[in-house]
C-alpha atoms as a PDB file:
ATOM      1  CA  MET A   1      98.232 -59.018 -21.689  1.00  0.00           C
ATOM      2  CA  ASN A   2     100.404 -56.914 -19.310  1.00  0.00           C
ATOM      3  CA  GLU A   3     101.421 -52.905 -21.331  1.00  0.00           C
ATOM      4  CA  VAL A   4     105.404 -52.959 -21.499  1.00  0.00           C
ATOM      5  CA  PRO A   5     107.295 -49.332 -22.426  1.00  0.00           C
ATOM      6  CA  SER A   6     107.302 -48.099 -25.814  1.00  0.00           C
ATOM      7  CA  THR A   7     110.210 -49.183 -27.645  1.00  0.00           C
ATOM      8  CA  GLY A   8     113.034 -46.933 -26.796  1.00  0.00           C
ATOM      9  CA  ALA A   9     114.931 -45.050 -29.138  1.00  0.00           C
ATOM     10  CA  GLY A  10     116.738 -47.440 -32.161  1.00  0.00           C
ATOM     11  CA  VAL A  11     114.656 -50.104 -31.497  1.00  0.00           C
ATOM     12  CA  ARG A  12     112.338 -50.639 -34.842  1.00  0.00           C
ATOM     13  CA  VAL A  13     108.693 -52.004 -34.958  1.00  0.00           C
ATOM     14  CA  ALA A  14     107.389 -54.847 -37.374  1.00  0.00           C
ATOM     15  CA  VAL A  15     104.068 -57.175 -37.558  1.00  0.00           C
ATOM     16  CA  VAL A  16     104.735 -60.180 -39.736  1.00  0.00           C
ATOM     17  CA  THR A  17     101.148 -61.662 -40.797  1.00  0.00           C
ATOM     18  CA  GLY A  18     101.485 -65.881 -41.866  1.00  0.00           C
ATOM     19  CA  ALA A  19     104.110 -65.591 -39.226  1.00  0.00           C
ATOM     20  CA  GLY A  20     103.624 -69.352 -38.287  1.00  0.00           C
ATOM     21  CA  SER A  21     105.384 -71.198 -41.143  1.00  0.00           C
ATOM     22  CA  GLY A  22     106.865 -70.725 -44.624  1.00  0.00           C
ATOM     23  CA  ILE A  23     108.606 -67.534 -45.538  1.00  0.00           C
ATOM     24  CA  GLY A  24     106.435 -65.564 -42.736  1.00  0.00           C
ATOM     25  CA  ARG A  25     108.298 -67.430 -39.849  1.00  0.00           C
ATOM     26  CA  ALA A  26     111.561 -67.221 -41.296  1.00  0.00           C
ATOM     27  CA  VAL A  27     111.575 -63.402 -41.541  1.00  0.00           C
ATOM     28  CA  ALA A  28     110.061 -62.949 -38.210  1.00  0.00           C
ATOM     29  CA  ARG A  29     112.752 -65.130 -36.615  1.00  0.00           C
ATOM     30  CA  LYS A  30     115.560 -62.985 -39.184  1.00  0.00           C
ATOM     31  CA  LEU A  31     114.151 -59.466 -37.415  1.00  0.00           C
ATOM     32  CA  LEU A  32     114.283 -60.936 -34.303  1.00  0.00           C
ATOM     33  CA  ALA A  33     117.574 -61.911 -34.716  1.00  0.00           C
ATOM     34  CA  GLU A  34     118.557 -58.604 -35.980  1.00  0.00           C
ATOM     35  CA  GLY A  35     116.881 -56.221 -32.519  1.00  0.00           C
ATOM     36  CA  TRP A  36     113.371 -55.284 -34.002  1.00  0.00           C
ATOM     37  CA  ASN A  37     110.743 -56.137 -32.235  1.00  0.00           C
ATOM     38  CA  VAL A  38     108.337 -58.177 -34.155  1.00  0.00           C
ATOM     39  CA  ALA A  39     104.156 -59.012 -33.885  1.00  0.00           C
ATOM     40  CA  LEU A  40     103.718 -62.509 -35.109  1.00  0.00           C
ATOM     41  CA  ALA A  41      99.834 -62.565 -36.797  1.00  0.00           C
ATOM     42  CA  GLY A  42      98.583 -65.799 -38.521  1.00  0.00           C
ATOM     43  CA  ARG A  43      95.583 -68.162 -37.659  1.00  0.00           C
ATOM     44  CA  ARG A  44      96.966 -70.433 -34.681  1.00  0.00           C
ATOM     45  CA  ALA A  45      98.881 -69.500 -32.052  1.00  0.00           C
ATOM     46  CA  GLU A  46     100.811 -72.965 -31.643  1.00  0.00           C
ATOM     47  CA  PRO A  47     102.760 -71.849 -34.549  1.00  0.00           C
ATOM     48  CA  LEU A  48     103.137 -68.745 -33.558  1.00  0.00           C
ATOM     49  CA  ALA A  49     104.574 -70.008 -30.626  1.00  0.00           C
ATOM     50  CA  GLY A  50     107.407 -71.767 -31.925  1.00  0.00           C
ATOM     51  CA  THR A  51     108.266 -69.114 -34.509  1.00  0.00           C
ATOM     52  CA  ALA A  52     108.220 -66.506 -31.360  1.00  0.00           C
ATOM     53  CA  GLU A  53     110.485 -69.342 -29.097  1.00  0.00           C
ATOM     54  CA  GLY A  54     113.706 -67.644 -28.080  1.00  0.00           C
ATOM     55  CA  PHE A  55     112.804 -64.104 -28.429  1.00  0.00           C
ATOM     56  CA  GLY A  56     111.308 -63.411 -25.046  1.00  0.00           C
ATOM     57  CA  GLU A  57     109.385 -60.008 -25.100  1.00  0.00           C
ATOM     58  CA  ARG A  58     110.523 -58.539 -28.132  1.00  0.00           C
ATOM     59  CA  ALA A  59     107.564 -61.755 -29.715  1.00  0.00           C
ATOM     60  CA  LEU A  60     104.587 -60.807 -29.493  1.00  0.00           C
ATOM     61  CA  VAL A  61     101.766 -63.657 -30.698  1.00  0.00           C
ATOM     62  CA  VAL A  62      98.738 -61.997 -31.689  1.00  0.00           C
ATOM     63  CA  PRO A  63      96.429 -65.030 -33.213  1.00  0.00           C
ATOM     64  CA  THR A  64      94.373 -62.923 -36.495  1.00  0.00           C
ATOM     65  CA  ASP A  65      92.377 -63.588 -38.985  1.00  0.00           C
ATOM     66  CA  VAL A  66      94.042 -60.885 -41.698  1.00  0.00           C
ATOM     67  CA  SER A  67      90.137 -61.629 -43.568  1.00  0.00           C
ATOM     68  CA  ALA A  68      87.856 -60.338 -40.849  1.00  0.00           C
ATOM     69  CA  ALA A  69      88.476 -56.379 -40.052  1.00  0.00           C
ATOM     70  CA  ASP A  70      87.718 -57.084 -36.534  1.00  0.00           C
ATOM     71  CA  ASP A  71      90.849 -59.032 -35.929  1.00  0.00           C
ATOM     72  CA  VAL A  72      93.499 -57.352 -37.723  1.00  0.00           C
ATOM     73  CA  GLU A  73      92.354 -53.461 -35.727  1.00  0.00           C
ATOM     74  CA  ARG A  74      93.175 -55.702 -33.125  1.00  0.00           C
ATOM     75  CA  LEU A  75      96.422 -56.893 -34.017  1.00  0.00           C
ATOM     76  CA  PHE A  76      97.342 -53.298 -34.159  1.00  0.00           C
ATOM     77  CA  ASP A  77      95.834 -52.148 -31.479  1.00  0.00           C
ATOM     78  CA  GLU A  78      98.197 -54.625 -29.658  1.00  0.00           C
ATOM     79  CA  VAL A  79     101.340 -53.124 -31.315  1.00  0.00           C
ATOM     80  CA  THR A  80     100.710 -49.746 -30.611  1.00  0.00           C
ATOM     81  CA  ARG A  81      99.790 -50.316 -27.222  1.00  0.00           C
ATOM     82  CA  ARG A  82     103.221 -52.353 -26.467  1.00  0.00           C
ATOM     83  CA  TRP A  83     105.456 -50.797 -28.711  1.00  0.00           C
ATOM     84  CA  GLY A  84     104.117 -47.528 -29.180  1.00  0.00           C
ATOM     85  CA  ARG A  85     104.574 -47.291 -33.011  1.00  0.00           C
ATOM     86  CA  VAL A  86     104.677 -49.573 -36.428  1.00  0.00           C
ATOM     87  CA  ASP A  87     107.867 -49.567 -38.786  1.00  0.00           C
ATOM     88  CA  VAL A  88     106.808 -51.880 -41.021  1.00  0.00           C
ATOM     89  CA  LEU A  89     104.620 -53.977 -42.046  1.00  0.00           C
ATOM     90  CA  PHE A  90     105.409 -56.997 -43.771  1.00  0.00           C
ATOM     91  CA  ASN A  91     102.270 -58.591 -45.697  1.00  0.00           C
ATOM     92  CA  ASN A  92     102.864 -62.369 -45.812  1.00  0.00           C
ATOM     93  CA  ALA A  93      99.419 -64.274 -45.318  1.00  0.00           C
ATOM     94  CA  GLY A  94      98.289 -65.825 -48.161  1.00  0.00           C
ATOM     95  CA  ALA A  95      97.372 -69.470 -49.509  1.00  0.00           C
ATOM     96  CA  PHE A  96      97.525 -70.878 -52.946  1.00  0.00           C
ATOM     97  CA  GLY A  97      93.813 -71.526 -53.154  1.00  0.00           C
ATOM     98  CA  PRO A  98      91.903 -74.057 -55.646  1.00  0.00           C
ATOM     99  CA  PHE A  99      93.877 -75.814 -58.901  1.00  0.00           C
ATOM    100  CA  GLY A 100      91.756 -76.191 -61.639  1.00  0.00           C
ATOM    101  CA  ASP A 101      91.210 -73.899 -64.539  1.00  0.00           C
ATOM    102  CA  VAL A 102      88.823 -71.354 -64.741  1.00  0.00           C
ATOM    103  CA  GLY A 103      86.068 -73.171 -65.780  1.00  0.00           C
ATOM    104  CA  GLU A 104      86.676 -75.597 -63.243  1.00  0.00           C
ATOM    105  CA  ILE A 105      87.174 -74.102 -59.907  1.00  0.00           C
ATOM    106  CA  GLU A 106      84.045 -73.111 -57.964  1.00  0.00           C
ATOM    107  CA  PRO A 107      83.117 -69.709 -57.031  1.00  0.00           C
ATOM    108  CA  ALA A 108      83.746 -70.036 -52.877  1.00  0.00           C
ATOM    109  CA  ALA A 109      87.031 -71.297 -53.471  1.00  0.00           C
ATOM    110  CA  TRP A 110      87.717 -68.172 -55.569  1.00  0.00           C
ATOM    111  CA  GLU A 111      86.167 -66.002 -52.670  1.00  0.00           C
ATOM    112  CA  SER A 112      87.993 -67.589 -49.923  1.00  0.00           C
ATOM    113  CA  THR A 113      91.208 -67.367 -52.074  1.00  0.00           C
ATOM    114  CA  VAL A 114      90.432 -63.661 -52.195  1.00  0.00           C
ATOM    115  CA  ALA A 115      89.952 -63.255 -48.920  1.00  0.00           C
ATOM    116  CA  VAL A 116      93.445 -63.542 -47.573  1.00  0.00           C
ATOM    117  CA  ASN A 117      95.367 -63.043 -50.149  1.00  0.00           C
ATOM    118  CA  LEU A 118      94.090 -59.918 -51.464  1.00  0.00           C
ATOM    119  CA  THR A 119      91.522 -58.084 -48.577  1.00  0.00           C
ATOM    120  CA  GLY A 120      93.877 -59.163 -46.036  1.00  0.00           C
ATOM    121  CA  SER A 121      96.890 -57.570 -47.556  1.00  0.00           C
ATOM    122  CA  PHE A 122      94.227 -54.477 -47.508  1.00  0.00           C
ATOM    123  CA  LEU A 123      93.211 -54.841 -44.238  1.00  0.00           C
ATOM    124  CA  CYS A 124      96.518 -55.011 -42.747  1.00  0.00           C
ATOM    125  CA  ALA A 125      98.146 -51.830 -45.182  1.00  0.00           C
ATOM    126  CA  ALA A 126      94.884 -50.060 -44.253  1.00  0.00           C
ATOM    127  CA  ALA A 127      95.613 -50.679 -40.450  1.00  0.00           C
ATOM    128  CA  ALA A 128      99.555 -50.117 -40.860  1.00  0.00           C
ATOM    129  CA  PHE A 129      98.783 -47.129 -42.981  1.00  0.00           C
ATOM    130  CA  ARG A 130      96.531 -45.242 -40.177  1.00  0.00           C
ATOM    131  CA  ALA A 131      98.859 -46.127 -37.302  1.00  0.00           C
ATOM    132  CA  MET A 132     102.076 -45.019 -39.377  1.00  0.00           C
ATOM    133  CA  LYS A 133      99.827 -41.631 -40.070  1.00  0.00           C
ATOM    134  CA  ALA A 134      98.756 -40.790 -36.703  1.00  0.00           C
ATOM    135  CA  GLN A 135     102.342 -41.930 -34.886  1.00  0.00           C
ATOM    136  CA  SER A 136     105.218 -39.375 -33.960  1.00  0.00           C
ATOM    137  CA  PRO A 137     107.961 -39.496 -35.939  1.00  0.00           C
ATOM    138  CA  GLN A 138     105.076 -40.273 -38.658  1.00  0.00           C
ATOM    139  CA  GLY A 139     105.842 -42.386 -41.325  1.00  0.00           C
ATOM    140  CA  GLY A 140     106.845 -46.375 -42.116  1.00  0.00           C
ATOM    141  CA  ARG A 141     107.165 -49.018 -44.659  1.00  0.00           C
ATOM    142  CA  ILE A 142     105.020 -51.805 -46.267  1.00  0.00           C
ATOM    143  CA  ILE A 143     106.258 -54.738 -47.922  1.00  0.00           C
ATOM    144  CA  ASN A 144     103.952 -57.083 -49.694  1.00  0.00           C
ATOM    145  CA  ASN A 145     104.710 -60.155 -50.686  1.00  0.00           C
ATOM    146  CA  GLY A 146     103.545 -61.084 -54.080  1.00  0.00           C
ATOM    147  CA  SER A 147     104.823 -64.004 -56.179  1.00  0.00           C
ATOM    148  CA  ILE A 148     106.393 -64.203 -59.730  1.00  0.00           C
ATOM    149  CA  SER A 149     103.001 -65.225 -60.749  1.00  0.00           C
ATOM    150  CA  ALA A 150     102.267 -61.163 -60.413  1.00  0.00           C
ATOM    151  CA  HIS A 151     104.506 -61.171 -63.487  1.00  0.00           C
ATOM    152  CA  SER A 152     103.793 -64.529 -65.110  1.00  0.00           C
ATOM    153  CA  PRO A 153     101.177 -67.391 -64.197  1.00  0.00           C
ATOM    154  CA  ARG A 154     101.647 -71.270 -63.505  1.00  0.00           C
ATOM    155  CA  PRO A 155      98.866 -72.934 -65.275  1.00  0.00           C
ATOM    156  CA  LYS A 156      95.604 -73.832 -63.047  1.00  0.00           C
ATOM    157  CA  SER A 157      96.160 -71.007 -60.807  1.00  0.00           C
ATOM    158  CA  VAL A 158      93.641 -68.451 -62.053  1.00  0.00           C
ATOM    159  CA  ALA A 159      92.623 -67.343 -58.322  1.00  0.00           C
ATOM    160  CA  TYR A 160      96.036 -67.461 -57.299  1.00  0.00           C
ATOM    161  CA  THR A 161      97.853 -65.281 -60.008  1.00  0.00           C
ATOM    162  CA  ALA A 162      94.760 -62.831 -60.062  1.00  0.00           C
ATOM    163  CA  THR A 163      94.976 -62.050 -56.525  1.00  0.00           C
ATOM    164  CA  LYS A 164      99.305 -61.355 -56.842  1.00  0.00           C
ATOM    165  CA  HIS A 165      98.155 -59.157 -60.132  1.00  0.00           C
ATOM    166  CA  ALA A 166      96.265 -57.286 -57.423  1.00  0.00           C
ATOM    167  CA  VAL A 167      98.757 -57.242 -54.789  1.00  0.00           C
ATOM    168  CA  THR A 168     100.970 -54.987 -57.667  1.00  0.00           C
ATOM    169  CA  GLY A 169      98.408 -52.653 -58.013  1.00  0.00           C
ATOM    170  CA  LEU A 170      97.615 -52.406 -54.262  1.00  0.00           C
ATOM    171  CA  THR A 171     101.485 -51.894 -53.300  1.00  0.00           C
ATOM    172  CA  LYS A 172     101.630 -48.600 -56.906  1.00  0.00           C
ATOM    173  CA  SER A 173      98.372 -47.440 -55.007  1.00  0.00           C
ATOM    174  CA  ILE A 174      99.786 -47.385 -51.045  1.00  0.00           C
ATOM    175  CA  GLU A 175     103.090 -45.922 -52.131  1.00  0.00           C
ATOM    176  CA  LEU A 176     101.135 -43.085 -54.107  1.00  0.00           C
ATOM    177  CA  ASP A 177      99.014 -42.627 -50.962  1.00  0.00           C
ATOM    178  CA  GLY A 178     101.523 -42.428 -48.687  1.00  0.00           C
ATOM    179  CA  ARG A 179     103.980 -40.045 -50.198  1.00  0.00           C
ATOM    180  CA  PRO A 180     102.727 -37.193 -47.911  1.00  0.00           C
ATOM    181  CA  TYR A 181     102.918 -38.962 -44.508  1.00  0.00           C
ATOM    182  CA  GLY A 182     107.009 -40.839 -45.447  1.00  0.00           C
ATOM    183  CA  ILE A 183     104.774 -43.698 -45.503  1.00  0.00           C
ATOM    184  CA  THR A 184     106.479 -46.026 -48.140  1.00  0.00           C
ATOM    185  CA  CYS A 185     105.310 -49.335 -50.074  1.00  0.00           C
ATOM    186  CA  GLY A 186     107.095 -52.053 -51.763  1.00  0.00           C
ATOM    187  CA  GLN A 187     107.091 -55.585 -52.891  1.00  0.00           C
ATOM    188  CA  ILE A 188     108.766 -58.322 -53.094  1.00  0.00           C
ATOM    189  CA  ASP A 189     108.037 -61.439 -55.782  1.00  0.00           C
ATOM    190  CA  ILE A 190     109.572 -65.050 -54.743  1.00  0.00           C
ATOM    191  CA  GLY A 191     110.096 -67.965 -56.758  1.00  0.00           C
ATOM    192  CA  ASN A 192     110.467 -71.239 -55.676  1.00  0.00           C
ATOM    193  CA  THR A 193     112.145 -70.878 -52.335  1.00  0.00           C
ATOM    194  CA  ARG A 194     111.609 -74.337 -50.238  1.00  0.00           C
ATOM    195  CA  THR A 195     108.173 -73.846 -49.112  1.00  0.00           C
ATOM    196  CA  GLU A 196     104.904 -75.895 -48.430  1.00  0.00           C
ATOM    197  CA  ILE A 197     103.721 -74.870 -51.204  1.00  0.00           C
ATOM    198  CA  MET A 198     106.610 -75.972 -53.721  1.00  0.00           C
ATOM    199  CA  ASP A 199     105.544 -79.305 -52.628  1.00  0.00           C
ATOM    200  CA  THR A 200     101.702 -78.217 -53.670  1.00  0.00           C
ATOM    201  CA  LEU A 201     102.896 -77.477 -56.547  1.00  0.00           C
ATOM    202  CA  GLY A 202     104.792 -80.185 -57.391  1.00  0.00           C
ATOM    203  CA  VAL A 203     108.060 -78.478 -57.747  1.00  0.00           C
ATOM    204  CA  GLY A 204     110.845 -81.374 -56.549  1.00  0.00           C
ATOM    205  CA  GLU A 205     108.739 -84.211 -58.340  1.00  0.00           C
ATOM    206  CA  GLY A 206     107.591 -82.489 -61.133  1.00  0.00           C
ATOM    207  CA  ALA A 207     106.058 -79.113 -61.692  1.00  0.00           C
ATOM    208  CA  LEU A 208     102.688 -78.456 -64.461  1.00  0.00           C
ATOM    209  CA  GLN A 209     104.453 -76.309 -67.364  1.00  0.00           C
ATOM    210  CA  ALA A 210     102.451 -74.295 -70.173  1.00  0.00           C
ATOM    211  CA  ASN A 211     103.353 -76.687 -72.296  1.00  0.00           C
ATOM    212  CA  GLY A 212     101.737 -79.727 -70.367  1.00  0.00           C
ATOM    213  CA  SER A 213     105.086 -81.577 -69.660  1.00  0.00           C
ATOM    214  CA  ARG A 214     106.301 -81.980 -65.730  1.00  0.00           C
ATOM    215  CA  LEU A 215     109.707 -80.172 -64.983  1.00  0.00           C
ATOM    216  CA  VAL A 216     112.088 -80.754 -61.652  1.00  0.00           C
ATOM    217  CA  GLU A 217     112.482 -77.225 -60.481  1.00  0.00           C
ATOM    218  CA  PRO A 218     115.201 -75.612 -58.611  1.00  0.00           C
ATOM    219  CA  THR A 219     114.720 -74.321 -55.346  1.00  0.00           C
ATOM    220  CA  PHE A 220     116.500 -72.150 -52.486  1.00  0.00           C
ATOM    221  CA  PRO A 221     116.946 -71.517 -49.180  1.00  0.00           C
ATOM    222  CA  LEU A 222     114.156 -69.854 -47.101  1.00  0.00           C
ATOM    223  CA  GLU A 223     116.993 -67.314 -45.005  1.00  0.00           C
ATOM    224  CA  GLU A 224     117.996 -65.871 -48.538  1.00  0.00           C
ATOM    225  CA  ALA A 225     114.531 -64.589 -49.149  1.00  0.00           C
ATOM    226  CA  ALA A 226     114.614 -63.638 -45.545  1.00  0.00           C
ATOM    227  CA  LYS A 227     117.395 -61.742 -46.152  1.00  0.00           C
ATOM    228  CA  ALA A 228     115.521 -59.788 -49.331  1.00  0.00           C
ATOM    229  CA  VAL A 229     112.910 -58.584 -46.989  1.00  0.00           C
ATOM    230  CA  LEU A 230     115.053 -57.735 -44.367  1.00  0.00           C
ATOM    231  CA  LEU A 231     117.100 -55.502 -47.050  1.00  0.00           C
ATOM    232  CA  MET A 232     113.550 -53.656 -47.893  1.00  0.00           C
ATOM    233  CA  ALA A 233     113.146 -53.535 -44.252  1.00  0.00           C
ATOM    234  CA  SER A 234     116.222 -51.878 -43.306  1.00  0.00           C
ATOM    235  CA  LEU A 235     116.208 -49.129 -45.794  1.00  0.00           C
ATOM    236  CA  PRO A 236     116.448 -45.387 -44.147  1.00  0.00           C
ATOM    237  CA  PRO A 237     113.452 -43.830 -44.626  1.00  0.00           C
ATOM    238  CA  SER A 238     115.537 -41.762 -47.734  1.00  0.00           C
ATOM    239  CA  ALA A 239     115.111 -45.004 -49.780  1.00  0.00           C
ATOM    240  CA  THR A 240     112.882 -47.712 -50.801  1.00  0.00           C
ATOM    241  CA  VAL A 241     112.835 -50.870 -52.926  1.00  0.00           C
ATOM    242  CA  GLY A 242     109.397 -50.741 -55.062  1.00  0.00           C
ATOM    243  CA  SER A 243     109.645 -54.239 -56.556  1.00  0.00           C
ATOM    244  CA  LEU A 244     112.275 -56.901 -56.271  1.00  0.00           C
ATOM    245  CA  VAL A 245     111.906 -59.961 -57.714  1.00  0.00           C
ATOM    246  CA  ILE A 246     114.094 -63.456 -56.517  1.00  0.00           C
ATOM    247  CA  THR A 247     113.956 -66.946 -57.675  1.00  0.00           C
ATOM    248  CA  ALA A 248     116.052 -69.795 -57.659  1.00  0.00           C
ATOM    249  CA  SER A 249     118.639 -69.909 -59.972  1.00  0.00           C
ATOM    250  CA  GLY A 250     117.746 -71.586 -63.419  1.00  0.00           C
ATOM    251  CA  MET A 251     113.476 -71.694 -62.416  1.00  0.00           C
ATOM    252  CA  PRO A 252     111.602 -71.581 -65.342  1.00  0.00           C
ATOM    253  CA  PHE A 253     110.404 -67.801 -65.372  1.00  0.00           C
ATOM    254  CA  VAL A 254     111.654 -65.413 -67.636  1.00  0.00           C
ATOM    255  CA  GLY A 255     110.687 -67.211 -70.787  1.00  0.00           C
ATOM    256  CA  ARG A 256     108.330 -69.457 -68.900  1.00  0.00           C
ATOM    257  CA  GLY A 257     106.353 -71.695 -71.254  1.00  0.00           C
END
């Protein structure tokens, strides 16, 4: 890959994981449309190329398994080599994992969910943190994609819910550790935006509720979730959003169950 000059003054650099589909793709394309340089990370090259389409050299495709430390280090090495810095990490890659109660899921399925949702978030945050600490001017912003399951679980979602609660602890710890270096960390918890996971949960046909019933739940457009992440990413260094919850209007979250 040919190197290009470092980003000029005022051009911000973001890394988006899970950028091949869903929220990651929507956020990456929103940032690109707003003039950012964006590194697109995900396991499969072809969907990442689809996200990058139309944005030329401002979109950098880096196939990455976020649960693999070597892959993550290579991702951030490529970003800093190409653009010289990292201003924002949107830590978005994740998986819903196994569906079942705590007595039903297999340990391997638990471990694979933890590897992506928690270890992957840690590895990417750690690499971004090191880059932001070393660069000049120092500092940057990490945005973790949690979930409303970080507040209140769905039935039979123990692996997903546990990892998303853990992401909240990761977010708070990074925010504290980053203070001396101008590094902020916030979390966005999204409920029922229109992604493939909504089909997995049966939201459009009747998602399982805490009382055992099925309920067709409202959803909202991906573009609105992307706008919320853009808001968090675009704040000046003097301000940060520590926690933002955005849901479809009327979804069963407050008072769930």
